[in-house]
C-alpha cells in the first residue's frame, strides 16, 4: 500500500511539473513572436547597411596602403595582432536548453587558439550565464553587462561598442569580434561571429563592378555611416540573440513537457500494475484464510 502511495505522489509531482513547463512554453512562444518580428524588421536594415559598408571597405582597402589618413583607421588591418576584444552575448535567464553552450564553447576554443599564438584576449561579457561561467573558470572579464540580453537597449549597445572603438583607436586592441547565438527560424539557432573592427569586405563577388567612388570631402559622411554601422550591428546582435533565446527556451520547455507526459504514462502503468498485484495478494490471503478454516 505504501508503494501505491509513493507512485501516486510521484504522478502528482510530475503532472504539476508538466503544467509548469507547458505554461512556460506558451509564455516563450508569445515572447518569441514579438522578438521574431523585431528581429525581422531590424535584419533588413542591418543587411542593407552591411552591404553598403562591404562595398565601401572594398574600395578603401584598394587605396588604404597609399594613404596615411587617420579617418580610415577603422578600415586598416594591422599586420601583427597582439590584442583581440571579444564581445559576446549569452542569456540572463536559464531553462533554454543548450542555447548558451554553443557560444561559450566557441569562446573557449578561441581563447585557446589565440593563446597558442601569444595573442591577448579581452572579454566583454553580456548576459548573466556567460559572466557566471567565466567567473567560475576564474577567467578575467574586461566588462560585465547584466539584464541587457533580456532587454535590448540601443543606448547601452552604443555605450558598449563606443568603448571598444575607443580602445581600437587608442591602440589598446587590434581587433574587435562580436559573437552571439542568433535566430534562424522557430526551431534553429545559428552561431554568428562578426569581425566588426577593422571593417573588411566580407564578400567581393557582388562588388567587382561597383560604381562607388570615394571623395575626400565625404569623410564626415563616412564617419557618420561607420558610427551607425557599428552601433546598429551591436544593437541588432542583442535583438537577434533574444529571439534565438526565446526560440531555444520554447523548444526546451516543449521537450520537458513531452518528457513529463511520457513519465506520467510510465508511472500510471506502474501504479496500475502495483494496484493489481496488491488486489491479487489480498485475494490470495482471503482464499488462504477460508481454506485454513475448513
C-alpha atoms as a PDB file:
ATOM      1  CA  UNK A   1       0.000   0.000   0.000  1.00  0.00           C
ATOM      2  CA  UNK A   2       2.903   2.341   0.812  1.00  0.00           C
ATOM      3  CA  UNK A   3       4.297   1.663  -2.667  1.00  0.00           C
ATOM      4  CA  UNK A   4       0.988   2.752  -4.239  1.00  0.00           C
ATOM      5  CA  UNK A   5       1.015   5.996  -2.240  1.00  0.00           C
ATOM      6  CA  UNK A   6       4.602   6.700  -3.317  1.00  0.00           C
ATOM      7  CA  UNK A   7       3.777   6.169  -7.018  1.00  0.00           C
ATOM      8  CA  UNK A   8       0.661   8.340  -6.696  1.00  0.00           C
ATOM      9  CA  UNK A   9       2.758  11.089  -5.102  1.00  0.00           C
ATOM     10  CA  UNK A  10       5.244  10.900  -7.980  1.00  0.00           C
ATOM     11  CA  UNK A  11       2.440  11.057 -10.565  1.00  0.00           C
ATOM     12  CA  UNK A  12       1.079  14.214  -8.952  1.00  0.00           C
ATOM     13  CA  UNK A  13       4.554  15.786  -8.776  1.00  0.00           C
ATOM     14  CA  UNK A  14       5.408  15.062 -12.423  1.00  0.00           C
ATOM     15  CA  UNK A  15       1.953  16.198 -13.538  1.00  0.00           C
ATOM     16  CA  UNK A  16       2.497  19.546 -11.775  1.00  0.00           C
ATOM     17  CA  UNK A  17       5.890  19.858 -13.472  1.00  0.00           C
ATOM     18  CA  UNK A  18       4.193  19.177 -16.805  1.00  0.00           C
ATOM     19  CA  UNK A  19       1.737  22.017 -16.193  1.00  0.00           C
ATOM     20  CA  UNK A  20       4.588  24.385 -15.297  1.00  0.00           C
ATOM     21  CA  UNK A  21       6.730  23.559 -18.334  1.00  0.00           C
ATOM     22  CA  UNK A  22       3.732  23.803 -20.644  1.00  0.00           C
ATOM     23  CA  UNK A  23       2.870  27.235 -19.244  1.00  0.00           C
ATOM     24  CA  UNK A  24       6.490  28.360 -19.703  1.00  0.00           C
ATOM     25  CA  UNK A  25       6.391  27.072 -23.272  1.00  0.00           C
ATOM     26  CA  UNK A  26       3.299  29.171 -24.005  1.00  0.00           C
ATOM     27  CA  UNK A  27       4.922  32.257 -22.479  1.00  0.00           C
ATOM     28  CA  UNK A  28       8.104  31.719 -24.532  1.00  0.00           C
ATOM     29  CA  UNK A  29       6.043  31.238 -27.683  1.00  0.00           C
ATOM     30  CA  UNK A  30       4.270  34.568 -27.130  1.00  0.00           C
ATOM     31  CA  UNK A  31       7.561  36.362 -26.411  1.00  0.00           C
ATOM     32  CA  UNK A  32       9.179  34.713 -29.420  1.00  0.00           C
ATOM     33  CA  UNK A  33       6.547  36.129 -31.790  1.00  0.00           C
ATOM     34  CA  UNK A  34       7.309  39.676 -30.631  1.00  0.00           C
ATOM     35  CA  UNK A  35      11.084  39.141 -30.668  1.00  0.00           C
ATOM     36  CA  UNK A  36      10.909  37.453 -34.076  1.00  0.00           C
ATOM     37  CA  UNK A  37       9.031  40.407 -35.580  1.00  0.00           C
ATOM     38  CA  UNK A  38      11.561  42.859 -34.125  1.00  0.00           C
ATOM     39  CA  UNK A  39      14.469  40.747 -35.415  1.00  0.00           C
ATOM     40  CA  UNK A  40      12.995  40.518 -38.916  1.00  0.00           C
ATOM     41  CA  UNK A  41      12.416  44.272 -39.116  1.00  0.00           C
ATOM     42  CA  UNK A  42      15.913  45.019 -37.841  1.00  0.00           C
ATOM     43  CA  UNK A  43      17.541  42.414 -40.099  1.00  0.00           C
ATOM     44  CA  UNK A  44      16.517  44.263 -43.278  1.00  0.00           C
ATOM     45  CA  UNK A  45      18.214  47.465 -42.117  1.00  0.00           C
ATOM     46  CA  UNK A  46      21.251  45.590 -40.763  1.00  0.00           C
ATOM     47  CA  UNK A  47      21.744  43.693 -44.032  1.00  0.00           C
ATOM     48  CA  UNK A  48      21.460  46.857 -46.121  1.00  0.00           C
ATOM     49  CA  UNK A  49      23.984  48.804 -44.058  1.00  0.00           C
ATOM     50  CA  UNK A  50      26.289  45.755 -44.122  1.00  0.00           C
ATOM     51  CA  UNK A  51      26.105  45.732 -47.923  1.00  0.00           C
ATOM     52  CA  UNK A  52      26.976  49.430 -48.109  1.00  0.00           C
ATOM     53  CA  UNK A  53      29.928  49.118 -45.715  1.00  0.00           C
ATOM     54  CA  UNK A  54      31.083  45.980 -47.518  1.00  0.00           C
ATOM     55  CA  UNK A  55      31.279  47.941 -50.768  1.00  0.00           C
ATOM     56  CA  UNK A  56      32.944  50.942 -49.115  1.00  0.00           C
ATOM     57  CA  UNK A  57      35.527  48.825 -47.315  1.00  0.00           C
ATOM     58  CA  UNK A  58      36.326  47.060 -50.596  1.00  0.00           C
ATOM     59  CA  UNK A  59      37.086  50.407 -52.252  1.00  0.00           C
ATOM     60  CA  UNK A  60      39.024  51.715 -49.256  1.00  0.00           C
ATOM     61  CA  UNK A  61      41.163  48.593 -48.984  1.00  0.00           C
ATOM     62  CA  UNK A  62      42.313  49.179 -52.561  1.00  0.00           C
ATOM     63  CA  UNK A  63      43.700  52.621 -51.718  1.00  0.00           C
ATOM     64  CA  UNK A  64      44.398  52.465 -47.992  1.00  0.00           C
ATOM     65  CA  UNK A  65      48.027  51.412 -48.389  1.00  0.00           C
ATOM     66  CA  UNK A  66      48.722  54.605 -50.303  1.00  0.00           C
ATOM     67  CA  UNK A  67      47.135  56.876 -47.709  1.00  0.00           C
ATOM     68  CA  UNK A  68      48.002  57.734 -44.147  1.00  0.00           C
ATOM     69  CA  UNK A  69      44.604  59.085 -43.177  1.00  0.00           C
ATOM     70  CA  UNK A  70      43.601  58.757 -39.518  1.00  0.00           C
ATOM     71  CA  UNK A  71      39.970  58.834 -40.587  1.00  0.00           C
ATOM     72  CA  UNK A  72      40.454  55.446 -42.249  1.00  0.00           C
ATOM     73  CA  UNK A  73      41.909  53.770 -39.147  1.00  0.00           C
ATOM     74  CA  UNK A  74      38.801  51.613 -38.613  1.00  0.00           C
ATOM     75  CA  UNK A  75      39.377  50.066 -42.050  1.00  0.00           C
ATOM     76  CA  UNK A  76      43.065  49.331 -41.546  1.00  0.00           C
ATOM     77  CA  UNK A  77      44.017  45.795 -40.568  1.00  0.00           C
ATOM     78  CA  UNK A  78      47.240  45.644 -38.596  1.00  0.00           C
ATOM     79  CA  UNK A  79      49.954  43.328 -39.801  1.00  0.00           C
ATOM     80  CA  UNK A  80      50.580  41.983 -36.312  1.00  0.00           C
ATOM     81  CA  UNK A  81      47.660  41.265 -33.992  1.00  0.00           C
ATOM     82  CA  UNK A  82      48.615  41.493 -30.319  1.00  0.00           C
ATOM     83  CA  UNK A  83      45.268  42.050 -28.580  1.00  0.00           C
ATOM     84  CA  UNK A  84      41.737  40.997 -29.519  1.00  0.00           C
ATOM     85  CA  UNK A  85      38.496  42.114 -27.885  1.00  0.00           C
ATOM     86  CA  UNK A  86      35.685  39.555 -27.855  1.00  0.00           C
ATOM     87  CA  UNK A  87      32.191  40.920 -27.192  1.00  0.00           C
ATOM     88  CA  UNK A  88      29.821  38.031 -26.567  1.00  0.00           C
ATOM     89  CA  UNK A  89      26.147  37.686 -25.691  1.00  0.00           C
ATOM     90  CA  UNK A  90      24.529  34.984 -23.535  1.00  0.00           C
ATOM     91  CA  UNK A  91      21.166  34.737 -21.775  1.00  0.00           C
ATOM     92  CA  UNK A  92      20.346  36.391 -18.454  1.00  0.00           C
ATOM     93  CA  UNK A  93      17.944  33.553 -17.604  1.00  0.00           C
ATOM     94  CA  UNK A  94      18.187  29.772 -17.717  1.00  0.00           C
ATOM     95  CA  UNK A  95      15.921  26.940 -18.874  1.00  0.00           C
ATOM     96  CA  UNK A  96      16.818  27.491 -22.538  1.00  0.00           C
ATOM     97  CA  UNK A  97      18.499  24.178 -23.299  1.00  0.00           C
ATOM     98  CA  UNK A  98      21.894  24.363 -24.985  1.00  0.00           C
ATOM     99  CA  UNK A  99      21.428  27.985 -26.127  1.00  0.00           C
ATOM    100  CA  UNK A 100      24.464  29.303 -24.223  1.00  0.00           C
ATOM    101  CA  UNK A 101      26.652  26.232 -24.703  1.00  0.00           C
ATOM    102  CA  UNK A 102      27.475  26.959 -28.369  1.00  0.00           C
ATOM    103  CA  UNK A 103      28.606  30.497 -27.579  1.00  0.00           C
ATOM    104  CA  UNK A 104      30.665  29.571 -24.527  1.00  0.00           C
ATOM    105  CA  UNK A 105      32.272  26.623 -26.311  1.00  0.00           C
ATOM    106  CA  UNK A 106      33.268  28.830 -29.253  1.00  0.00           C
ATOM    107  CA  UNK A 107      34.774  31.478 -26.967  1.00  0.00           C
ATOM    108  CA  UNK A 108      36.697  28.840 -25.019  1.00  0.00           C
ATOM    109  CA  UNK A 109      38.113  27.453 -28.282  1.00  0.00           C
ATOM    110  CA  UNK A 110      39.060  30.952 -29.462  1.00  0.00           C
ATOM    111  CA  UNK A 111      40.810  31.640 -26.151  1.00  0.00           C
ATOM    112  CA  UNK A 112      42.950  28.528 -26.638  1.00  0.00           C
ATOM    113  CA  UNK A 113      43.604  29.383 -30.281  1.00  0.00           C
ATOM    114  CA  UNK A 114      44.720  32.940 -29.520  1.00  0.00           C
ATOM    115  CA  UNK A 115      46.746  31.821 -26.508  1.00  0.00           C
ATOM    116  CA  UNK A 116      48.690  29.445 -28.765  1.00  0.00           C
ATOM    117  CA  UNK A 117      49.528  32.475 -30.964  1.00  0.00           C
ATOM    118  CA  UNK A 118      50.521  34.604 -27.937  1.00  0.00           C
ATOM    119  CA  UNK A 119      47.611  36.964 -28.580  1.00  0.00           C
ATOM    120  CA  UNK A 120      45.939  38.621 -25.588  1.00  0.00           C
ATOM    121  CA  UNK A 121      42.155  38.276 -25.459  1.00  0.00           C
ATOM    122  CA  UNK A 122      39.937  40.685 -23.553  1.00  0.00           C
ATOM    123  CA  UNK A 123      36.346  39.639 -22.890  1.00  0.00           C
ATOM    124  CA  UNK A 124      33.355  41.985 -22.782  1.00  0.00           C
ATOM    125  CA  UNK A 125      30.500  39.841 -21.460  1.00  0.00           C
ATOM    126  CA  UNK A 126      26.790  40.484 -21.927  1.00  0.00           C
ATOM    127  CA  UNK A 127      24.424  38.182 -20.045  1.00  0.00           C
ATOM    128  CA  UNK A 128      24.423  36.507 -16.651  1.00  0.00           C
ATOM    129  CA  UNK A 129      25.096  32.980 -17.957  1.00  0.00           C
ATOM    130  CA  UNK A 130      28.370  33.885 -19.653  1.00  0.00           C
ATOM    131  CA  UNK A 131      29.518  36.079 -16.774  1.00  0.00           C
ATOM    132  CA  UNK A 132      28.918  33.345 -14.204  1.00  0.00           C
ATOM    133  CA  UNK A 133      30.601  30.726 -16.407  1.00  0.00           C
ATOM    134  CA  UNK A 134      33.842  32.662 -16.810  1.00  0.00           C
ATOM    135  CA  UNK A 135      33.810  33.782 -13.172  1.00  0.00           C
ATOM    136  CA  UNK A 136      33.645  30.089 -12.226  1.00  0.00           C
ATOM    137  CA  UNK A 137      36.508  29.356 -14.647  1.00  0.00           C
ATOM    138  CA  UNK A 138      38.429  32.225 -12.983  1.00  0.00           C
ATOM    139  CA  UNK A 139      38.866  33.972 -16.342  1.00  0.00           C
ATOM    140  CA  UNK A 140      39.016  37.757 -16.068  1.00  0.00           C
ATOM    141  CA  UNK A 141      36.332  39.801 -17.807  1.00  0.00           C
ATOM    142  CA  UNK A 142      37.065  43.316 -19.037  1.00  0.00           C
ATOM    143  CA  UNK A 143      33.416  44.398 -18.881  1.00  0.00           C
ATOM    144  CA  UNK A 144      30.235  42.814 -17.484  1.00  0.00           C
ATOM    145  CA  UNK A 145      26.709  43.747 -18.547  1.00  0.00           C
ATOM    146  CA  UNK A 146      23.681  42.278 -16.773  1.00  0.00           C
ATOM    147  CA  UNK A 147      19.992  42.495 -17.799  1.00  0.00           C
ATOM    148  CA  UNK A 148      20.840  43.680 -21.324  1.00  0.00           C
ATOM    149  CA  UNK A 149      20.463  40.469 -23.329  1.00  0.00           C
ATOM    150  CA  UNK A 150      16.949  40.033 -21.900  1.00  0.00           C
ATOM    151  CA  UNK A 151      16.078  43.703 -22.506  1.00  0.00           C
ATOM    152  CA  UNK A 152      17.999  45.140 -25.517  1.00  0.00           C
ATOM    153  CA  UNK A 153      18.637  48.855 -25.266  1.00  0.00           C
ATOM    154  CA  UNK A 154      20.063  50.945 -28.118  1.00  0.00           C
ATOM    155  CA  UNK A 155      21.837  53.476 -25.892  1.00  0.00           C
ATOM    156  CA  UNK A 156      23.510  50.729 -23.885  1.00  0.00           C
ATOM    157  CA  UNK A 157      24.528  48.969 -27.103  1.00  0.00           C
ATOM    158  CA  UNK A 158      26.103  52.244 -28.285  1.00  0.00           C
ATOM    159  CA  UNK A 159      27.958  52.567 -24.990  1.00  0.00           C
ATOM    160  CA  UNK A 160      29.470  49.084 -25.373  1.00  0.00           C
ATOM    161  CA  UNK A 161      30.606  49.496 -28.973  1.00  0.00           C
ATOM    162  CA  UNK A 162      31.891  53.037 -28.393  1.00  0.00           C
ATOM    163  CA  UNK A 163      34.168  51.744 -25.621  1.00  0.00           C
ATOM    164  CA  UNK A 164      35.510  49.050 -27.964  1.00  0.00           C
ATOM    165  CA  UNK A 165      36.050  51.580 -30.797  1.00  0.00           C
ATOM    166  CA  UNK A 166      37.846  53.964 -28.432  1.00  0.00           C
ATOM    167  CA  UNK A 167      40.211  51.181 -27.371  1.00  0.00           C
ATOM    168  CA  UNK A 168      40.877  50.309 -31.017  1.00  0.00           C
ATOM    169  CA  UNK A 169      41.616  53.917 -31.955  1.00  0.00           C
ATOM    170  CA  UNK A 170      43.919  54.235 -28.928  1.00  0.00           C
ATOM    171  CA  UNK A 171      45.757  51.055 -29.977  1.00  0.00           C
ATOM    172  CA  UNK A 172      44.658  49.187 -26.833  1.00  0.00           C
ATOM    173  CA  UNK A 173      43.224  46.471 -29.041  1.00  0.00           C
ATOM    174  CA  UNK A 174      43.865  45.391 -32.640  1.00  0.00           C
ATOM    175  CA  UNK A 175      40.599  43.672 -33.469  1.00  0.00           C
ATOM    176  CA  UNK A 176      37.003  43.583 -32.183  1.00  0.00           C
ATOM    177  CA  UNK A 177      34.861  40.480 -32.681  1.00  0.00           C
ATOM    178  CA  UNK A 178      31.159  40.131 -31.795  1.00  0.00           C
ATOM    179  CA  UNK A 179      29.854  36.636 -31.001  1.00  0.00           C
ATOM    180  CA  UNK A 180      26.272  35.572 -30.317  1.00  0.00           C
ATOM    181  CA  UNK A 181      23.831  32.728 -30.940  1.00  0.00           C
ATOM    182  CA  UNK A 182      21.349  34.169 -33.421  1.00  0.00           C
ATOM    183  CA  UNK A 183      17.847  33.377 -34.612  1.00  0.00           C
ATOM    184  CA  UNK A 184      17.474  31.356 -37.814  1.00  0.00           C
ATOM    185  CA  UNK A 185      13.933  30.007 -37.528  1.00  0.00           C
ATOM    186  CA  UNK A 186      11.475  28.727 -34.927  1.00  0.00           C
ATOM    187  CA  UNK A 187      13.494  25.584 -34.213  1.00  0.00           C
ATOM    188  CA  UNK A 188      17.047  26.559 -35.160  1.00  0.00           C
ATOM    189  CA  UNK A 189      19.642  28.909 -33.726  1.00  0.00           C
ATOM    190  CA  UNK A 190      22.778  29.908 -35.609  1.00  0.00           C
ATOM    191  CA  UNK A 191      26.097  30.910 -34.039  1.00  0.00           C
ATOM    192  CA  UNK A 192      27.329  34.184 -35.536  1.00  0.00           C
ATOM    193  CA  UNK A 193      30.874  35.523 -35.412  1.00  0.00           C
ATOM    194  CA  UNK A 194      31.101  39.092 -36.703  1.00  0.00           C
ATOM    195  CA  UNK A 195      34.538  40.696 -37.173  1.00  0.00           C
ATOM    196  CA  UNK A 196      33.403  44.260 -36.532  1.00  0.00           C
ATOM    197  CA  UNK A 197      36.702  46.150 -36.407  1.00  0.00           C
ATOM    198  CA  UNK A 198      38.665  46.648 -38.552  1.00  0.00           C
ATOM    199  CA  UNK A 199      35.964  46.779 -41.209  1.00  0.00           C
ATOM    200  CA  UNK A 200      36.911  44.488 -44.064  1.00  0.00           C
ATOM    201  CA  UNK A 201      34.975  43.382 -47.149  1.00  0.00           C
ATOM    202  CA  UNK A 202      33.175  40.168 -46.259  1.00  0.00           C
ATOM    203  CA  UNK A 203      32.076  39.348 -49.802  1.00  0.00           C
ATOM    204  CA  UNK A 204      33.558  40.641 -53.052  1.00  0.00           C
ATOM    205  CA  UNK A 205      31.532  38.622 -55.574  1.00  0.00           C
ATOM    206  CA  UNK A 206      28.892  41.347 -55.990  1.00  0.00           C
ATOM    207  CA  UNK A 207      31.108  44.431 -55.900  1.00  0.00           C
ATOM    208  CA  UNK A 208      33.764  43.969 -58.575  1.00  0.00           C
ATOM    209  CA  UNK A 209      31.728  46.190 -60.894  1.00  0.00           C
ATOM    210  CA  UNK A 210      30.965  48.743 -58.222  1.00  0.00           C
ATOM    211  CA  UNK A 211      30.267  52.286 -59.403  1.00  0.00           C
ATOM    212  CA  UNK A 212      31.013  53.686 -55.955  1.00  0.00           C
ATOM    213  CA  UNK A 213      33.589  56.493 -55.824  1.00  0.00           C
ATOM    214  CA  UNK A 214      35.158  57.833 -52.653  1.00  0.00           C
ATOM    215  CA  UNK A 215      35.729  61.555 -52.300  1.00  0.00           C
ATOM    216  CA  UNK A 216      37.923  63.163 -49.604  1.00  0.00           C
ATOM    217  CA  UNK A 217      35.148  65.666 -48.905  1.00  0.00           C
ATOM    218  CA  UNK A 218      32.879  62.798 -47.976  1.00  0.00           C
ATOM    219  CA  UNK A 219      34.886  61.773 -44.926  1.00  0.00           C
ATOM    220  CA  UNK A 220      32.303  63.179 -42.474  1.00  0.00           C
ATOM    221  CA  UNK A 221      29.564  61.185 -44.149  1.00  0.00           C
ATOM    222  CA  UNK A 222      31.774  58.089 -43.952  1.00  0.00           C
ATOM    223  CA  UNK A 223      32.399  58.652 -40.240  1.00  0.00           C
ATOM    224  CA  UNK A 224      28.662  59.021 -39.561  1.00  0.00           C
ATOM    225  CA  UNK A 225      27.960  55.891 -41.574  1.00  0.00           C
ATOM    226  CA  UNK A 226      30.644  53.968 -39.680  1.00  0.00           C
ATOM    227  CA  UNK A 227      29.172  55.103 -36.366  1.00  0.00           C
ATOM    228  CA  UNK A 228      25.697  53.952 -37.417  1.00  0.00           C
ATOM    229  CA  UNK A 229      27.064  50.675 -38.796  1.00  0.00           C
ATOM    230  CA  UNK A 230      28.857  49.721 -35.584  1.00  0.00           C
ATOM    231  CA  UNK A 231      26.070  50.860 -33.265  1.00  0.00           C
ATOM    232  CA  UNK A 232      23.362  49.057 -35.187  1.00  0.00           C
ATOM    233  CA  UNK A 233      25.365  45.852 -35.530  1.00  0.00           C
ATOM    234  CA  UNK A 234      25.732  45.788 -31.754  1.00  0.00           C
ATOM    235  CA  UNK A 235      22.048  46.517 -31.181  1.00  0.00           C
ATOM    236  CA  UNK A 236      20.871  44.040 -33.816  1.00  0.00           C
ATOM    237  CA  UNK A 237      23.006  41.303 -32.216  1.00  0.00           C
ATOM    238  CA  UNK A 238      21.111  41.853 -28.940  1.00  0.00           C
ATOM    239  CA  UNK A 239      17.719  41.636 -30.681  1.00  0.00           C
ATOM    240  CA  UNK A 240      18.780  38.608 -32.717  1.00  0.00           C
ATOM    241  CA  UNK A 241      20.120  36.861 -29.625  1.00  0.00           C
ATOM    242  CA  UNK A 242      16.911  37.491 -27.671  1.00  0.00           C
ATOM    243  CA  UNK A 243      14.765  35.970 -30.436  1.00  0.00           C
ATOM    244  CA  UNK A 244      17.058  32.925 -30.535  1.00  0.00           C
ATOM    245  CA  UNK A 245      16.888  32.641 -26.738  1.00  0.00           C
ATOM    246  CA  UNK A 246      13.079  32.566 -26.725  1.00  0.00           C
ATOM    247  CA  UNK A 247      13.160  30.007 -29.533  1.00  0.00           C
ATOM    248  CA  UNK A 248      15.566  27.788 -27.576  1.00  0.00           C
ATOM    249  CA  UNK A 249      13.520  28.134 -24.370  1.00  0.00           C
ATOM    250  CA  UNK A 250      10.298  27.286 -26.202  1.00  0.00           C
ATOM    251  CA  UNK A 251      11.931  24.113 -27.537  1.00  0.00           C
ATOM    252  CA  UNK A 252      13.399  23.206 -24.156  1.00  0.00           C
ATOM    253  CA  UNK A 253      10.032  23.602 -22.424  1.00  0.00           C
ATOM    254  CA  UNK A 254       8.284  21.637 -25.173  1.00  0.00           C
ATOM    255  CA  UNK A 255      10.768  18.784 -24.720  1.00  0.00           C
ATOM    256  CA  UNK A 256      10.353  18.941 -20.943  1.00  0.00           C
ATOM    257  CA  UNK A 257       6.553  18.825 -21.286  1.00  0.00           C
ATOM    258  CA  UNK A 258       6.723  15.811 -23.595  1.00  0.00           C
ATOM    259  CA  UNK A 259       9.141  14.051 -21.247  1.00  0.00           C
ATOM    260  CA  UNK A 260       6.805  14.735 -18.322  1.00  0.00           C
ATOM    261  CA  UNK A 261       3.879  13.281 -20.281  1.00  0.00           C
ATOM    262  CA  UNK A 262       5.885  10.149 -21.027  1.00  0.00           C
ATOM    263  CA  UNK A 263       6.923   9.870 -17.369  1.00  0.00           C
ATOM    264  CA  UNK A 264       3.303  10.216 -16.166  1.00  0.00           C
ATOM    265  CA  UNK A 265       2.314   7.441 -18.563  1.00  0.00           C
ATOM    266  CA  UNK A 266       5.068   5.175 -17.192  1.00  0.00           C
ATOM    267  CA  UNK A 267       4.070   5.927 -13.604  1.00  0.00           C
ATOM    268  CA  UNK A 268       0.400   5.237 -14.359  1.00  0.00           C
ATOM    269  CA  UNK A 269       1.343   1.831 -15.759  1.00  0.00           C
ATOM    270  CA  UNK A 270       3.475   1.158 -12.691  1.00  0.00           C
ATOM    271  CA  UNK A 271       0.616   2.278 -10.427  1.00  0.00           C
ATOM    272  CA  UNK A 272      -1.935   0.024 -12.171  1.00  0.00           C
ATOM    273  CA  UNK A 273       0.464  -2.913 -12.037  1.00  0.00           C
ATOM    274  CA  UNK A 274       1.185  -2.381  -8.328  1.00  0.00           C
ATOM    275  CA  UNK A 275      -2.553  -1.965  -7.604  1.00  0.00           C
ATOM    276  CA  UNK A 276      -3.324  -5.190  -9.478  1.00  0.00           C
ATOM    277  CA  UNK A 277      -0.625  -7.024  -7.552  1.00  0.00           C
ATOM    278  CA  UNK A 278      -1.997  -5.626  -4.299  1.00  0.00           C
ATOM    279  CA  UNK A 279      -5.529  -6.810  -5.109  1.00  0.00           C
ATOM    280  CA  UNK A 280      -4.242 -10.232  -6.163  1.00  0.00           C
ATOM    281  CA  UNK A 281      -2.277 -10.556  -2.909  1.00  0.00           C
ATOM    282  CA  UNK A 282      -5.360  -9.641  -0.861  1.00  0.00           C
ATOM    283  CA  UNK A 283      -7.498 -12.211  -2.732  1.00  0.00           C
ATOM    284  CA  UNK A 284      -4.905 -14.919  -2.172  1.00  0.00           C
ATOM    285  CA  UNK A 285      -4.778 -14.067   1.539  1.00  0.00           C
ATOM    286  CA  UNK A 286      -8.615 -14.217   1.785  1.00  0.00           C
ATOM    287  CA  UNK A 287      -8.776 -17.540  -0.089  1.00  0.00           C
ATOM    288  CA  UNK A 288      -5.975 -18.966   2.040  1.00  0.00           C
ATOM    289  CA  UNK A 289      -7.771 -17.882   5.205  1.00  0.00           C
ATOM    290  CA  UNK A 290     -11.034 -19.501   4.067  1.00  0.00           C
ATOM    291  CA  UNK A 291      -9.204 -22.725   3.168  1.00  0.00           C
ATOM    292  CA  UNK A 292      -7.500 -22.868   6.555  1.00  0.00           C
ATOM    293  CA  UNK A 293     -10.874 -22.625   8.354  1.00  0.00           C
ATOM    294  CA  UNK A 294     -12.269 -25.719   6.623  1.00  0.00           C
END
